[in-house]
Amino acid sequence: MHSDAADKSVERLVSEFHSQSDERVILSTAVPESALKDFINSYDVLYLLKVGNPQSVHDLSCQAGTLTITNTEAVVKLGHATAAVIFKDGKPMIYINRNSERAERREFYGEILTLAKLYD
């Protein structure tokens, strides 16, 4: 999911998740923010990339029960997405917003919670 102003690099990124030879193809589509209402119920997870209005996207994801992930800690901290995985100083960091998690009707268990930085 991306803003309408995002460039063609989004399409190139999405194409990296497609495989012609593997049966375990991840269903991925670049969906502009303006078309999200038409697609939100078709997906279990939204990856937010260059989103113009993250709060309206999060509101829709909560209604649909769709998990939101991103590559920005601040978006998770503000509660506009549930999870982020980023590299910081060469190490993967996981961020989870527990309020957002509950609002999207999702639940993380076990070791991931001990590895992640949690926000409420």
N, C-alpha and C. Protein backbone atom coordinates (compact mmCIF):
# COMPACT_ATOMS: atom_id res chain seq x y z
N MET A 1 0.85 -1.16 0.00
CA MET A 1 0.00 0.00 0.00
C MET A 1 0.89 1.21 0.00
N HIS A 2 0.60 2.15 -0.86
CA HIS A 2 1.45 3.32 -0.98
C HIS A 2 0.61 4.55 -1.31
N SER A 3 1.21 5.70 -1.16
CA SER A 3 0.50 6.92 -1.50
C SER A 3 0.36 7.03 -3.02
N ASP A 4 -0.59 7.81 -3.46
CA ASP A 4 -0.79 7.98 -4.89
C ASP A 4 0.41 8.66 -5.54
N ALA A 5 1.21 9.37 -4.78
CA ALA A 5 2.35 10.10 -5.32
C ALA A 5 3.61 9.23 -5.44
N ALA A 6 3.56 7.99 -4.95
CA ALA A 6 4.74 7.13 -5.00
C ALA A 6 5.12 6.84 -6.44
N ASP A 7 6.40 6.69 -6.66
CA ASP A 7 6.88 6.48 -8.03
C ASP A 7 6.87 4.99 -8.40
N LYS A 8 7.37 4.67 -9.57
CA LYS A 8 7.37 3.30 -10.08
C LYS A 8 8.27 2.36 -9.29
N SER A 9 9.11 2.89 -8.40
CA SER A 9 9.95 2.01 -7.59
C SER A 9 9.10 1.08 -6.73
N VAL A 10 7.88 1.50 -6.40
CA VAL A 10 6.98 0.65 -5.63
C VAL A 10 6.64 -0.60 -6.44
N GLU A 11 6.35 -0.43 -7.71
CA GLU A 11 6.03 -1.58 -8.57
C GLU A 11 7.23 -2.53 -8.67
N ARG A 12 8.43 -1.97 -8.76
CA ARG A 12 9.63 -2.81 -8.82
C ARG A 12 9.80 -3.58 -7.51
N LEU A 13 9.53 -2.94 -6.39
CA LEU A 13 9.64 -3.60 -5.09
C LEU A 13 8.66 -4.76 -5.01
N VAL A 14 7.43 -4.54 -5.41
CA VAL A 14 6.41 -5.59 -5.35
C VAL A 14 6.80 -6.76 -6.24
N SER A 15 7.39 -6.49 -7.39
CA SER A 15 7.75 -7.57 -8.31
C SER A 15 8.77 -8.52 -7.69
N GLU A 16 9.53 -8.06 -6.71
CA GLU A 16 10.51 -8.91 -6.05
C GLU A 16 9.85 -10.03 -5.24
N PHE A 17 8.58 -9.90 -4.92
CA PHE A 17 7.87 -10.91 -4.15
C PHE A 17 7.18 -11.94 -5.02
N HIS A 18 7.23 -11.79 -6.31
CA HIS A 18 6.62 -12.73 -7.24
C HIS A 18 7.65 -13.75 -7.69
N SER A 19 7.21 -14.97 -7.88
CA SER A 19 8.10 -16.04 -8.34
C SER A 19 7.37 -16.83 -9.41
N GLN A 20 8.03 -17.10 -10.50
CA GLN A 20 7.44 -17.91 -11.56
C GLN A 20 7.64 -19.41 -11.30
N SER A 21 8.58 -19.77 -10.43
CA SER A 21 8.92 -21.18 -10.25
C SER A 21 8.55 -21.74 -8.88
N ASP A 22 8.03 -20.96 -8.00
CA ASP A 22 7.75 -21.41 -6.64
C ASP A 22 6.25 -21.41 -6.39
N GLU A 23 5.73 -22.52 -5.88
CA GLU A 23 4.30 -22.60 -5.60
C GLU A 23 3.89 -21.76 -4.41
N ARG A 24 4.84 -21.36 -3.58
CA ARG A 24 4.55 -20.57 -2.39
C ARG A 24 4.65 -19.08 -2.68
N VAL A 25 4.10 -18.66 -3.77
CA VAL A 25 4.16 -17.26 -4.17
C VAL A 25 3.39 -16.41 -3.17
N ILE A 26 4.01 -15.35 -2.75
CA ILE A 26 3.34 -14.39 -1.88
C ILE A 26 2.46 -13.51 -2.75
N LEU A 27 1.19 -13.43 -2.41
CA LEU A 27 0.29 -12.57 -3.15
C LEU A 27 0.60 -11.13 -2.80
N SER A 28 1.08 -10.39 -3.76
CA SER A 28 1.45 -9.01 -3.48
C SER A 28 1.03 -8.13 -4.64
N THR A 29 0.51 -6.99 -4.29
CA THR A 29 0.04 -6.02 -5.25
C THR A 29 0.30 -4.63 -4.69
N ALA A 30 0.77 -3.74 -5.52
CA ALA A 30 0.92 -2.35 -5.11
C ALA A 30 -0.44 -1.69 -5.24
N VAL A 31 -0.97 -1.21 -4.14
CA VAL A 31 -2.31 -0.60 -4.13
C VAL A 31 -2.15 0.86 -3.73
N PRO A 32 -2.58 1.79 -4.59
CA PRO A 32 -2.51 3.19 -4.19
C PRO A 32 -3.48 3.48 -3.04
N GLU A 33 -3.11 4.42 -2.22
CA GLU A 33 -3.90 4.77 -1.05
C GLU A 33 -5.35 5.08 -1.40
N SER A 34 -5.58 5.74 -2.53
CA SER A 34 -6.93 6.13 -2.91
C SER A 34 -7.82 4.93 -3.25
N ALA A 35 -7.23 3.78 -3.55
CA ALA A 35 -8.00 2.59 -3.91
C ALA A 35 -8.09 1.57 -2.78
N LEU A 36 -7.59 1.91 -1.62
CA LEU A 36 -7.50 0.95 -0.53
C LEU A 36 -8.85 0.38 -0.12
N LYS A 37 -9.88 1.19 -0.08
CA LYS A 37 -11.20 0.71 0.35
C LYS A 37 -11.66 -0.47 -0.50
N ASP A 38 -11.27 -0.49 -1.77
CA ASP A 38 -11.68 -1.56 -2.67
C ASP A 38 -10.87 -2.85 -2.47
N PHE A 39 -9.72 -2.77 -1.80
CA PHE A 39 -8.83 -3.91 -1.67
C PHE A 39 -8.63 -4.41 -0.25
N ILE A 40 -8.95 -3.62 0.74
CA ILE A 40 -8.56 -3.90 2.12
C ILE A 40 -9.04 -5.27 2.60
N ASN A 41 -10.21 -5.69 2.20
CA ASN A 41 -10.74 -6.97 2.67
C ASN A 41 -10.15 -8.17 1.94
N SER A 42 -9.34 -7.93 0.92
CA SER A 42 -8.74 -9.02 0.14
C SER A 42 -7.41 -9.49 0.70
N TYR A 43 -6.86 -8.78 1.67
CA TYR A 43 -5.53 -9.09 2.15
C TYR A 43 -5.49 -9.25 3.66
N ASP A 44 -4.58 -10.09 4.13
CA ASP A 44 -4.38 -10.29 5.56
C ASP A 44 -3.40 -9.29 6.13
N VAL A 45 -2.48 -8.80 5.28
CA VAL A 45 -1.42 -7.90 5.73
C VAL A 45 -1.24 -6.78 4.73
N LEU A 46 -1.07 -5.57 5.24
CA LEU A 46 -0.71 -4.41 4.41
C LEU A 46 0.67 -3.94 4.82
N TYR A 47 1.54 -3.76 3.84
CA TYR A 47 2.84 -3.16 4.09
C TYR A 47 2.73 -1.70 3.67
N LEU A 48 2.87 -0.80 4.62
CA LEU A 48 2.71 0.63 4.35
C LEU A 48 4.02 1.21 3.86
N LEU A 49 3.98 1.79 2.67
CA LEU A 49 5.16 2.35 2.06
C LEU A 49 4.80 3.73 1.50
N LYS A 50 5.43 4.77 2.02
CA LYS A 50 5.20 6.13 1.54
C LYS A 50 3.72 6.51 1.60
N VAL A 51 3.12 6.32 2.75
CA VAL A 51 1.69 6.59 2.92
C VAL A 51 1.47 8.05 3.26
N GLY A 52 0.53 8.69 2.59
CA GLY A 52 0.25 10.10 2.82
C GLY A 52 -0.57 10.35 4.07
N ASN A 53 -1.56 9.49 4.33
CA ASN A 53 -2.43 9.67 5.50
C ASN A 53 -2.50 8.36 6.28
N PRO A 54 -1.49 8.06 7.10
CA PRO A 54 -1.46 6.77 7.79
C PRO A 54 -2.63 6.53 8.74
N GLN A 55 -3.20 7.58 9.32
CA GLN A 55 -4.32 7.37 10.24
C GLN A 55 -5.55 6.84 9.51
N SER A 56 -5.86 7.37 8.33
CA SER A 56 -7.03 6.87 7.60
C SER A 56 -6.80 5.44 7.12
N VAL A 57 -5.57 5.12 6.74
CA VAL A 57 -5.24 3.74 6.36
C VAL A 57 -5.41 2.81 7.55
N HIS A 58 -4.92 3.26 8.71
CA HIS A 58 -5.04 2.43 9.91
C HIS A 58 -6.50 2.25 10.31
N ASP A 59 -7.30 3.27 10.18
CA ASP A 59 -8.73 3.14 10.48
C ASP A 59 -9.37 2.05 9.63
N LEU A 60 -9.05 2.03 8.34
CA LEU A 60 -9.59 1.00 7.45
C LEU A 60 -9.06 -0.39 7.82
N SER A 61 -7.79 -0.47 8.17
CA SER A 61 -7.22 -1.78 8.53
C SER A 61 -7.85 -2.31 9.81
N CYS A 62 -8.18 -1.44 10.74
CA CYS A 62 -8.85 -1.87 11.97
C CYS A 62 -10.24 -2.41 11.67
N GLN A 63 -10.96 -1.73 10.80
CA GLN A 63 -12.29 -2.19 10.42
C GLN A 63 -12.24 -3.56 9.75
N ALA A 64 -11.22 -3.78 8.92
CA ALA A 64 -11.11 -5.03 8.16
C ALA A 64 -10.36 -6.13 8.92
N GLY A 65 -9.69 -5.78 10.01
CA GLY A 65 -8.88 -6.76 10.72
C GLY A 65 -7.63 -7.14 9.96
N THR A 66 -7.08 -6.19 9.23
CA THR A 66 -5.89 -6.40 8.41
C THR A 66 -4.66 -5.90 9.16
N LEU A 67 -3.65 -6.73 9.30
CA LEU A 67 -2.42 -6.37 9.98
C LEU A 67 -1.64 -5.36 9.14
N THR A 68 -1.17 -4.29 9.78
CA THR A 68 -0.34 -3.30 9.09
C THR A 68 1.10 -3.40 9.56
N ILE A 69 2.01 -3.44 8.60
CA ILE A 69 3.43 -3.42 8.91
C ILE A 69 4.09 -2.33 8.08
N THR A 70 5.24 -1.87 8.54
CA THR A 70 5.92 -0.78 7.87
C THR A 70 7.42 -0.90 8.14
N ASN A 71 8.16 0.05 7.61
CA ASN A 71 9.60 0.08 7.85
C ASN A 71 10.00 1.31 8.66
N THR A 72 9.05 1.87 9.42
CA THR A 72 9.30 3.10 10.15
C THR A 72 8.85 2.96 11.60
N GLU A 73 9.79 3.06 12.53
CA GLU A 73 9.45 2.95 13.94
C GLU A 73 8.45 4.01 14.37
N ALA A 74 8.61 5.24 13.89
CA ALA A 74 7.73 6.34 14.32
C ALA A 74 6.27 6.07 13.98
N VAL A 75 6.01 5.44 12.85
CA VAL A 75 4.63 5.13 12.46
C VAL A 75 4.02 4.13 13.44
N VAL A 76 4.82 3.17 13.88
CA VAL A 76 4.35 2.20 14.87
C VAL A 76 4.16 2.88 16.23
N LYS A 77 5.11 3.69 16.61
CA LYS A 77 5.03 4.39 17.90
C LYS A 77 3.77 5.24 17.99
N LEU A 78 3.39 5.89 16.88
CA LEU A 78 2.18 6.71 16.84
C LEU A 78 0.90 5.88 16.77
N GLY A 79 1.04 4.57 16.52
CA GLY A 79 -0.14 3.71 16.43
C GLY A 79 -0.79 3.68 15.07
N HIS A 80 -0.09 4.15 14.04
CA HIS A 80 -0.64 4.13 12.68
C HIS A 80 -0.34 2.83 11.95
N ALA A 81 0.47 1.97 12.54
CA ALA A 81 0.75 0.62 12.04
C ALA A 81 1.06 -0.25 13.25
N THR A 82 0.90 -1.55 13.09
CA THR A 82 1.09 -2.45 14.23
C THR A 82 2.53 -2.87 14.41
N ALA A 83 3.24 -3.14 13.33
CA ALA A 83 4.59 -3.67 13.47
C ALA A 83 5.54 -3.07 12.44
N ALA A 84 6.81 -3.03 12.83
CA ALA A 84 7.88 -2.62 11.92
C ALA A 84 9.08 -3.49 12.18
N VAL A 85 9.77 -3.82 11.12
CA VAL A 85 11.06 -4.50 11.22
C VAL A 85 12.04 -3.66 10.43
N ILE A 86 13.06 -3.18 11.12
CA ILE A 86 14.06 -2.34 10.46
C ILE A 86 15.45 -2.80 10.89
N PHE A 87 16.44 -2.38 10.15
CA PHE A 87 17.82 -2.65 10.53
C PHE A 87 18.39 -1.40 11.16
N LYS A 88 18.94 -1.56 12.36
CA LYS A 88 19.53 -0.46 13.10
C LYS A 88 20.92 -0.91 13.54
N ASP A 89 21.93 -0.19 13.11
CA ASP A 89 23.31 -0.57 13.40
C ASP A 89 23.61 -2.00 12.95
N GLY A 90 23.03 -2.39 11.81
CA GLY A 90 23.29 -3.71 11.25
C GLY A 90 22.52 -4.85 11.88
N LYS A 91 21.62 -4.54 12.82
CA LYS A 91 20.84 -5.58 13.50
C LYS A 91 19.35 -5.36 13.23
N PRO A 92 18.60 -6.45 13.06
CA PRO A 92 17.16 -6.29 12.89
C PRO A 92 16.50 -5.86 14.20
N MET A 93 15.61 -4.91 14.11
CA MET A 93 14.85 -4.44 15.26
C MET A 93 13.37 -4.62 14.95
N ILE A 94 12.61 -5.10 15.92
CA ILE A 94 11.17 -5.31 15.77
C ILE A 94 10.46 -4.35 16.71
N TYR A 95 9.46 -3.67 16.18
CA TYR A 95 8.65 -2.75 16.97
C TYR A 95 7.19 -3.17 16.83
N ILE A 96 6.47 -3.22 17.93
CA ILE A 96 5.06 -3.60 17.92
C ILE A 96 4.28 -2.63 18.78
N ASN A 97 3.16 -2.15 18.24
CA ASN A 97 2.26 -1.30 19.00
C ASN A 97 1.11 -2.18 19.46
N ARG A 98 1.03 -2.41 20.76
CA ARG A 98 0.03 -3.34 21.32
C ARG A 98 -1.40 -2.83 21.15
N ASN A 99 -1.62 -1.52 21.26
CA ASN A 99 -2.97 -0.97 21.06
C ASN A 99 -3.42 -1.18 19.61
N SER A 100 -2.53 -0.93 18.69
CA SER A 100 -2.84 -1.13 17.27
C SER A 100 -3.08 -2.61 16.98
N GLU A 101 -2.29 -3.45 17.60
CA GLU A 101 -2.43 -4.90 17.44
C GLU A 101 -3.85 -5.35 17.83
N ARG A 102 -4.31 -4.87 18.97
CA ARG A 102 -5.66 -5.22 19.43
C ARG A 102 -6.73 -4.62 18.52
N ALA A 103 -6.53 -3.39 18.08
CA ALA A 103 -7.51 -2.72 17.21
C ALA A 103 -7.66 -3.45 15.88
N GLU A 104 -6.57 -4.05 15.40
CA GLU A 104 -6.62 -4.80 14.14
C GLU A 104 -7.01 -6.27 14.37
N ARG A 105 -7.35 -6.58 15.62
CA ARG A 105 -7.77 -7.93 16.00
C ARG A 105 -6.70 -8.98 15.69
N ARG A 106 -5.47 -8.62 16.04
CA ARG A 106 -4.31 -9.51 15.87
C ARG A 106 -3.68 -9.74 17.23
N GLU A 107 -2.85 -10.77 17.31
CA GLU A 107 -2.17 -11.02 18.57
C GLU A 107 -0.83 -11.72 18.30
N PHE A 108 0.23 -11.12 18.85
CA PHE A 108 1.55 -11.72 18.78
C PHE A 108 1.79 -12.50 20.07
N TYR A 109 2.49 -13.62 19.95
CA TYR A 109 2.74 -14.48 21.10
C TYR A 109 4.23 -14.73 21.27
N GLY A 110 4.58 -15.20 22.45
CA GLY A 110 5.86 -15.80 22.73
C GLY A 110 7.09 -14.95 22.52
N GLU A 111 8.07 -15.58 21.91
CA GLU A 111 9.40 -15.00 21.83
C GLU A 111 9.44 -13.68 21.08
N ILE A 112 8.58 -13.50 20.10
CA ILE A 112 8.61 -12.23 19.35
C ILE A 112 8.37 -11.05 20.28
N LEU A 113 7.54 -11.25 21.31
CA LEU A 113 7.26 -10.16 22.25
C LEU A 113 8.48 -9.86 23.13
N THR A 114 9.31 -10.84 23.39
CA THR A 114 10.51 -10.59 24.19
C THR A 114 11.60 -9.96 23.34
N LEU A 115 11.56 -10.16 22.03
CA LEU A 115 12.55 -9.58 21.12
C LEU A 115 12.20 -8.18 20.68
N ALA A 116 10.92 -7.85 20.73
CA ALA A 116 10.44 -6.57 20.18
C ALA A 116 10.43 -5.46 21.22
N LYS A 117 10.54 -4.24 20.73
CA LYS A 117 10.27 -3.07 21.56
C LYS A 117 8.77 -2.83 21.45
N LEU A 118 8.10 -2.76 22.57
CA LEU A 118 6.64 -2.66 22.59
C LEU A 118 6.21 -1.23 22.91
N TYR A 119 5.18 -0.80 22.20
CA TYR A 119 4.54 0.49 22.48
C TYR A 119 3.09 0.22 22.82
N ASP A 120 2.53 1.03 23.75
CA ASP A 120 1.10 0.92 24.09
C ASP A 120 0.41 2.21 23.72
